[in-house]
Amino acid sequence: LLGKRAVGWGAGEWCIPCGSLEWGEDVRAAAARELLEETGLRARAGEVVAVHSNFHDPERLTVGIWFAGEDVEGEPVPADGELSEIRYFDPASPPPLAFPTDALVLAQLARERSG
């Protein structure tokens, strides 16, 4: 599931739904909240799929944690104005991506999928 960024870094390019922790927030709760805010989907953050240092912005060093979504409910729709479109893609052939770390995660998923 990828969203086309409407504003900010990488506008017009695609990304895995993402966001930031609020102060004191559990990382899994943050992942579920961001998914709901951006896509309208309710899900539980399952197993960790990947962890990477985000290197797209040298002024703001962050660590990204990608989770598998479990118990997903709803239909994906752009919900908060950050994304203009949401679609499912084959991880082996994604559209132009806003964040290089998303390319790493999708390549990993494609390898796992192909066995």
N, C-alpha and C. Protein backbone atom coordinates (compact mmCIF):
# COMPACT_ATOMS: atom_id res chain seq x y z
N LEU A 1 0.86 -1.18 0.00
CA LEU A 1 0.00 0.00 0.00
C LEU A 1 0.89 1.23 0.00
N LEU A 2 0.74 2.06 -1.02
CA LEU A 2 1.52 3.29 -1.13
C LEU A 2 0.59 4.48 -1.29
N GLY A 3 1.05 5.63 -0.80
CA GLY A 3 0.30 6.87 -0.96
C GLY A 3 1.12 7.87 -1.75
N LYS A 4 0.44 8.60 -2.63
CA LYS A 4 1.10 9.66 -3.40
C LYS A 4 1.11 10.93 -2.56
N ARG A 5 2.29 11.43 -2.25
CA ARG A 5 2.42 12.58 -1.36
C ARG A 5 1.88 13.85 -2.03
N ALA A 6 1.03 14.55 -1.30
CA ALA A 6 0.41 15.76 -1.82
C ALA A 6 1.20 17.01 -1.44
N VAL A 7 1.91 16.97 -0.34
CA VAL A 7 2.62 18.15 0.18
C VAL A 7 3.98 17.73 0.74
N GLY A 8 4.83 18.71 0.96
CA GLY A 8 6.09 18.47 1.66
C GLY A 8 7.10 17.70 0.86
N TRP A 9 8.01 17.06 1.60
CA TRP A 9 9.10 16.31 0.99
C TRP A 9 8.55 15.27 0.01
N GLY A 10 9.06 15.27 -1.21
CA GLY A 10 8.67 14.25 -2.18
C GLY A 10 7.27 14.39 -2.72
N ALA A 11 6.69 15.60 -2.68
CA ALA A 11 5.34 15.79 -3.21
C ALA A 11 5.28 15.28 -4.65
N GLY A 12 4.22 14.52 -4.96
CA GLY A 12 4.06 13.94 -6.28
C GLY A 12 4.66 12.55 -6.42
N GLU A 13 5.45 12.14 -5.43
CA GLU A 13 6.02 10.80 -5.43
C GLU A 13 5.30 9.96 -4.38
N TRP A 14 5.59 8.68 -4.38
CA TRP A 14 4.86 7.73 -3.55
C TRP A 14 5.66 7.32 -2.33
N CYS A 15 4.95 6.88 -1.29
CA CYS A 15 5.62 6.41 -0.07
C CYS A 15 4.73 5.42 0.66
N ILE A 16 5.37 4.63 1.50
CA ILE A 16 4.64 3.80 2.44
C ILE A 16 4.05 4.76 3.48
N PRO A 17 2.78 4.63 3.85
CA PRO A 17 2.22 5.54 4.86
C PRO A 17 3.13 5.61 6.09
N CYS A 18 3.36 6.84 6.54
CA CYS A 18 4.36 7.04 7.59
C CYS A 18 4.03 8.27 8.44
N GLY A 19 4.82 8.47 9.46
CA GLY A 19 4.63 9.64 10.30
C GLY A 19 5.59 9.63 11.47
N SER A 20 5.28 10.46 12.45
CA SER A 20 6.16 10.63 13.60
C SER A 20 5.45 10.29 14.90
N LEU A 21 6.26 9.93 15.87
CA LEU A 21 5.73 9.68 17.21
C LEU A 21 5.31 10.99 17.87
N GLU A 22 4.24 10.93 18.64
CA GLU A 22 3.91 12.03 19.53
C GLU A 22 4.61 11.76 20.85
N TRP A 23 4.88 12.81 21.62
CA TRP A 23 5.62 12.66 22.87
C TRP A 23 4.98 11.60 23.76
N GLY A 24 5.77 10.62 24.18
CA GLY A 24 5.31 9.58 25.08
C GLY A 24 4.48 8.48 24.43
N GLU A 25 4.30 8.54 23.11
CA GLU A 25 3.46 7.57 22.40
C GLU A 25 4.22 6.26 22.14
N ASP A 26 3.53 5.15 22.28
CA ASP A 26 4.07 3.85 21.93
C ASP A 26 4.26 3.77 20.42
N VAL A 27 5.38 3.19 19.98
CA VAL A 27 5.70 3.16 18.55
C VAL A 27 4.65 2.39 17.74
N ARG A 28 4.10 1.32 18.28
CA ARG A 28 3.07 0.56 17.56
C ARG A 28 1.76 1.35 17.50
N ALA A 29 1.43 2.03 18.57
CA ALA A 29 0.23 2.88 18.57
C ALA A 29 0.39 4.00 17.55
N ALA A 30 1.59 4.56 17.45
CA ALA A 30 1.85 5.63 16.48
C ALA A 30 1.68 5.13 15.06
N ALA A 31 2.17 3.93 14.77
CA ALA A 31 2.04 3.37 13.43
C ALA A 31 0.57 3.19 13.07
N ALA A 32 -0.23 2.66 13.99
CA ALA A 32 -1.66 2.48 13.74
C ALA A 32 -2.36 3.83 13.58
N ARG A 33 -2.00 4.81 14.40
CA ARG A 33 -2.61 6.14 14.32
C ARG A 33 -2.28 6.80 12.98
N GLU A 34 -1.02 6.76 12.57
CA GLU A 34 -0.63 7.38 11.31
C GLU A 34 -1.32 6.71 10.12
N LEU A 35 -1.43 5.39 10.15
CA LEU A 35 -2.13 4.69 9.07
C LEU A 35 -3.57 5.15 8.99
N LEU A 36 -4.24 5.24 10.12
CA LEU A 36 -5.63 5.70 10.15
C LEU A 36 -5.74 7.13 9.66
N GLU A 37 -4.87 8.01 10.15
CA GLU A 37 -4.94 9.42 9.76
C GLU A 37 -4.72 9.62 8.26
N GLU A 38 -3.79 8.87 7.69
CA GLU A 38 -3.44 9.08 6.29
C GLU A 38 -4.30 8.30 5.31
N THR A 39 -4.80 7.13 5.72
CA THR A 39 -5.48 6.25 4.76
C THR A 39 -6.90 5.88 5.13
N GLY A 40 -7.31 6.18 6.36
CA GLY A 40 -8.63 5.76 6.82
C GLY A 40 -8.70 4.28 7.21
N LEU A 41 -7.59 3.56 7.10
CA LEU A 41 -7.57 2.14 7.46
C LEU A 41 -7.26 1.96 8.94
N ARG A 42 -7.98 1.04 9.56
CA ARG A 42 -7.67 0.65 10.94
C ARG A 42 -6.89 -0.65 10.89
N ALA A 43 -5.80 -0.70 11.64
CA ALA A 43 -4.98 -1.91 11.68
C ALA A 43 -4.18 -1.93 12.97
N ARG A 44 -3.70 -3.10 13.28
CA ARG A 44 -2.80 -3.28 14.40
C ARG A 44 -1.39 -3.44 13.83
N ALA A 45 -0.42 -2.79 14.45
CA ALA A 45 0.97 -2.95 14.01
C ALA A 45 1.46 -4.32 14.46
N GLY A 46 1.78 -5.16 13.49
CA GLY A 46 2.25 -6.51 13.78
C GLY A 46 3.76 -6.57 13.90
N GLU A 47 4.34 -7.59 13.28
CA GLU A 47 5.78 -7.79 13.39
C GLU A 47 6.56 -6.67 12.69
N VAL A 48 7.76 -6.43 13.18
CA VAL A 48 8.64 -5.46 12.55
C VAL A 48 9.15 -6.06 11.25
N VAL A 49 8.97 -5.33 10.16
CA VAL A 49 9.42 -5.77 8.85
C VAL A 49 10.84 -5.28 8.58
N ALA A 50 11.12 -4.03 8.99
CA ALA A 50 12.44 -3.44 8.74
C ALA A 50 12.67 -2.27 9.68
N VAL A 51 13.94 -1.98 9.91
CA VAL A 51 14.37 -0.80 10.66
C VAL A 51 15.53 -0.19 9.87
N HIS A 52 15.42 1.11 9.56
CA HIS A 52 16.48 1.79 8.80
C HIS A 52 16.69 3.19 9.33
N SER A 53 17.91 3.67 9.21
CA SER A 53 18.18 5.08 9.43
C SER A 53 17.68 5.81 8.20
N ASN A 54 16.83 6.81 8.40
CA ASN A 54 16.32 7.59 7.27
C ASN A 54 17.38 8.61 6.85
N PHE A 55 17.87 8.48 5.63
CA PHE A 55 18.98 9.31 5.18
C PHE A 55 18.59 10.30 4.09
N HIS A 56 17.29 10.52 3.88
CA HIS A 56 16.88 11.43 2.81
C HIS A 56 17.04 12.90 3.17
N ASP A 57 17.10 13.22 4.45
CA ASP A 57 17.23 14.61 4.89
C ASP A 57 18.39 14.71 5.88
N PRO A 58 19.57 15.17 5.42
CA PRO A 58 20.73 15.21 6.31
C PRO A 58 20.59 16.18 7.48
N GLU A 59 19.63 17.07 7.42
CA GLU A 59 19.39 18.02 8.51
C GLU A 59 18.55 17.41 9.63
N ARG A 60 17.90 16.29 9.34
CA ARG A 60 16.98 15.69 10.32
C ARG A 60 17.16 14.18 10.30
N LEU A 61 18.03 13.69 11.17
CA LEU A 61 18.31 12.26 11.21
C LEU A 61 17.26 11.55 12.04
N THR A 62 16.63 10.55 11.46
CA THR A 62 15.60 9.79 12.15
C THR A 62 15.78 8.30 11.86
N VAL A 63 15.11 7.49 12.63
CA VAL A 63 15.08 6.05 12.41
C VAL A 63 13.66 5.66 12.06
N GLY A 64 13.50 4.89 11.00
CA GLY A 64 12.18 4.41 10.59
C GLY A 64 12.00 2.95 10.98
N ILE A 65 10.79 2.64 11.43
CA ILE A 65 10.43 1.26 11.76
C ILE A 65 9.20 0.92 10.92
N TRP A 66 9.30 -0.12 10.12
CA TRP A 66 8.19 -0.55 9.26
C TRP A 66 7.57 -1.80 9.87
N PHE A 67 6.25 -1.78 10.02
CA PHE A 67 5.51 -2.89 10.61
C PHE A 67 4.62 -3.55 9.57
N ALA A 68 4.36 -4.83 9.74
CA ALA A 68 3.30 -5.50 8.97
C ALA A 68 1.98 -5.10 9.61
N GLY A 69 1.01 -4.76 8.78
CA GLY A 69 -0.32 -4.44 9.30
C GLY A 69 -1.12 -5.72 9.51
N GLU A 70 -1.78 -5.81 10.66
CA GLU A 70 -2.61 -6.98 10.97
C GLU A 70 -4.01 -6.52 11.29
N ASP A 71 -4.98 -7.39 11.03
CA ASP A 71 -6.39 -7.11 11.31
C ASP A 71 -6.82 -5.79 10.65
N VAL A 72 -6.46 -5.63 9.38
CA VAL A 72 -6.75 -4.39 8.65
C VAL A 72 -8.24 -4.31 8.34
N GLU A 73 -8.82 -3.15 8.61
CA GLU A 73 -10.25 -2.90 8.35
C GLU A 73 -10.42 -1.61 7.57
N GLY A 74 -11.38 -1.63 6.64
CA GLY A 74 -11.73 -0.42 5.91
C GLY A 74 -11.21 -0.44 4.48
N GLU A 75 -11.53 0.63 3.79
CA GLU A 75 -11.07 0.84 2.41
C GLU A 75 -10.12 2.03 2.41
N PRO A 76 -8.98 1.93 1.73
CA PRO A 76 -8.03 3.03 1.75
C PRO A 76 -8.52 4.25 0.96
N VAL A 77 -8.54 5.38 1.64
CA VAL A 77 -8.87 6.67 1.01
C VAL A 77 -7.96 7.74 1.61
N PRO A 78 -7.49 8.70 0.81
CA PRO A 78 -6.69 9.78 1.38
C PRO A 78 -7.52 10.51 2.44
N ALA A 79 -7.02 10.56 3.67
CA ALA A 79 -7.86 11.03 4.77
C ALA A 79 -7.45 12.37 5.37
N ASP A 80 -6.18 12.75 5.30
CA ASP A 80 -5.78 13.96 6.03
C ASP A 80 -5.13 15.04 5.18
N GLY A 81 -5.15 14.90 3.87
CA GLY A 81 -4.57 15.91 3.00
C GLY A 81 -3.09 15.71 2.71
N GLU A 82 -2.43 14.80 3.41
CA GLU A 82 -1.01 14.55 3.15
C GLU A 82 -0.81 13.71 1.89
N LEU A 83 -1.81 12.87 1.57
CA LEU A 83 -1.74 12.00 0.39
C LEU A 83 -2.86 12.37 -0.57
N SER A 84 -2.56 12.36 -1.87
CA SER A 84 -3.59 12.66 -2.86
C SER A 84 -4.21 11.41 -3.46
N GLU A 85 -3.53 10.28 -3.31
CA GLU A 85 -3.99 9.02 -3.90
C GLU A 85 -3.39 7.87 -3.10
N ILE A 86 -4.11 6.76 -3.01
CA ILE A 86 -3.62 5.57 -2.32
C ILE A 86 -3.91 4.36 -3.20
N ARG A 87 -2.87 3.53 -3.41
CA ARG A 87 -3.06 2.35 -4.25
C ARG A 87 -2.14 1.22 -3.77
N TYR A 88 -2.55 0.02 -4.12
CA TYR A 88 -1.70 -1.14 -3.88
C TYR A 88 -0.81 -1.35 -5.10
N PHE A 89 0.46 -1.65 -4.87
CA PHE A 89 1.42 -1.92 -5.93
C PHE A 89 2.15 -3.22 -5.61
N ASP A 90 2.67 -3.84 -6.65
CA ASP A 90 3.56 -4.98 -6.48
C ASP A 90 4.87 -4.41 -5.92
N PRO A 91 5.38 -4.93 -4.79
CA PRO A 91 6.61 -4.36 -4.24
C PRO A 91 7.81 -4.48 -5.17
N ALA A 92 7.75 -5.37 -6.15
CA ALA A 92 8.85 -5.53 -7.10
C ALA A 92 8.85 -4.45 -8.18
N SER A 93 7.74 -3.73 -8.34
CA SER A 93 7.67 -2.69 -9.38
C SER A 93 6.90 -1.47 -8.88
N PRO A 94 7.47 -0.77 -7.89
CA PRO A 94 6.78 0.40 -7.35
C PRO A 94 6.91 1.61 -8.28
N PRO A 95 6.06 2.61 -8.09
CA PRO A 95 6.18 3.87 -8.82
C PRO A 95 7.35 4.67 -8.23
N PRO A 96 7.64 5.87 -8.76
CA PRO A 96 8.71 6.70 -8.18
C PRO A 96 8.45 6.97 -6.70
N LEU A 97 9.46 6.70 -5.87
CA LEU A 97 9.31 6.79 -4.42
C LEU A 97 9.93 8.06 -3.87
N ALA A 98 9.29 8.62 -2.85
CA ALA A 98 9.77 9.84 -2.20
C ALA A 98 10.96 9.56 -1.29
N PHE A 99 11.00 8.39 -0.69
CA PHE A 99 12.01 8.09 0.32
C PHE A 99 12.84 6.87 -0.08
N PRO A 100 14.17 7.00 -0.09
CA PRO A 100 15.01 5.86 -0.48
C PRO A 100 14.85 4.65 0.44
N THR A 101 14.53 4.88 1.70
CA THR A 101 14.35 3.75 2.61
C THR A 101 13.12 2.93 2.25
N ASP A 102 12.09 3.56 1.69
CA ASP A 102 10.93 2.80 1.24
C ASP A 102 11.34 1.84 0.12
N ALA A 103 12.27 2.26 -0.74
CA ALA A 103 12.76 1.38 -1.80
C ALA A 103 13.45 0.15 -1.20
N LEU A 104 14.20 0.36 -0.11
CA LEU A 104 14.86 -0.77 0.56
C LEU A 104 13.83 -1.75 1.12
N VAL A 105 12.80 -1.21 1.75
CA VAL A 105 11.76 -2.05 2.36
C VAL A 105 10.99 -2.81 1.28
N LEU A 106 10.61 -2.13 0.21
CA LEU A 106 9.87 -2.79 -0.86
C LEU A 106 10.71 -3.86 -1.55
N ALA A 107 12.00 -3.61 -1.73
CA ALA A 107 12.89 -4.62 -2.32
C ALA A 107 12.97 -5.85 -1.42
N GLN A 108 13.04 -5.62 -0.12
CA GLN A 108 13.06 -6.74 0.84
C GLN A 108 11.77 -7.54 0.75
N LEU A 109 10.63 -6.85 0.71
CA LEU A 109 9.33 -7.53 0.61
C LEU A 109 9.23 -8.33 -0.70
N ALA A 110 9.74 -7.75 -1.79
CA ALA A 110 9.70 -8.44 -3.08
C ALA A 110 10.54 -9.72 -3.03
N ARG A 111 11.72 -9.64 -2.40
CA ARG A 111 12.58 -10.84 -2.28
C ARG A 111 11.89 -11.91 -1.45
N GLU A 112 11.28 -11.50 -0.33
CA GLU A 112 10.60 -12.47 0.54
C GLU A 112 9.42 -13.10 -0.18
N ARG A 113 8.72 -12.30 -0.97
CA ARG A 113 7.55 -12.78 -1.69
C ARG A 113 7.92 -13.80 -2.76
N SER A 114 9.06 -13.56 -3.43
CA SER A 114 9.46 -14.46 -4.52
C SER A 114 10.12 -15.74 -4.02
N GLY A 115 10.45 -15.75 -2.72
CA GLY A 115 11.00 -16.97 -2.11
C GLY A 115 12.45 -17.07 -2.33
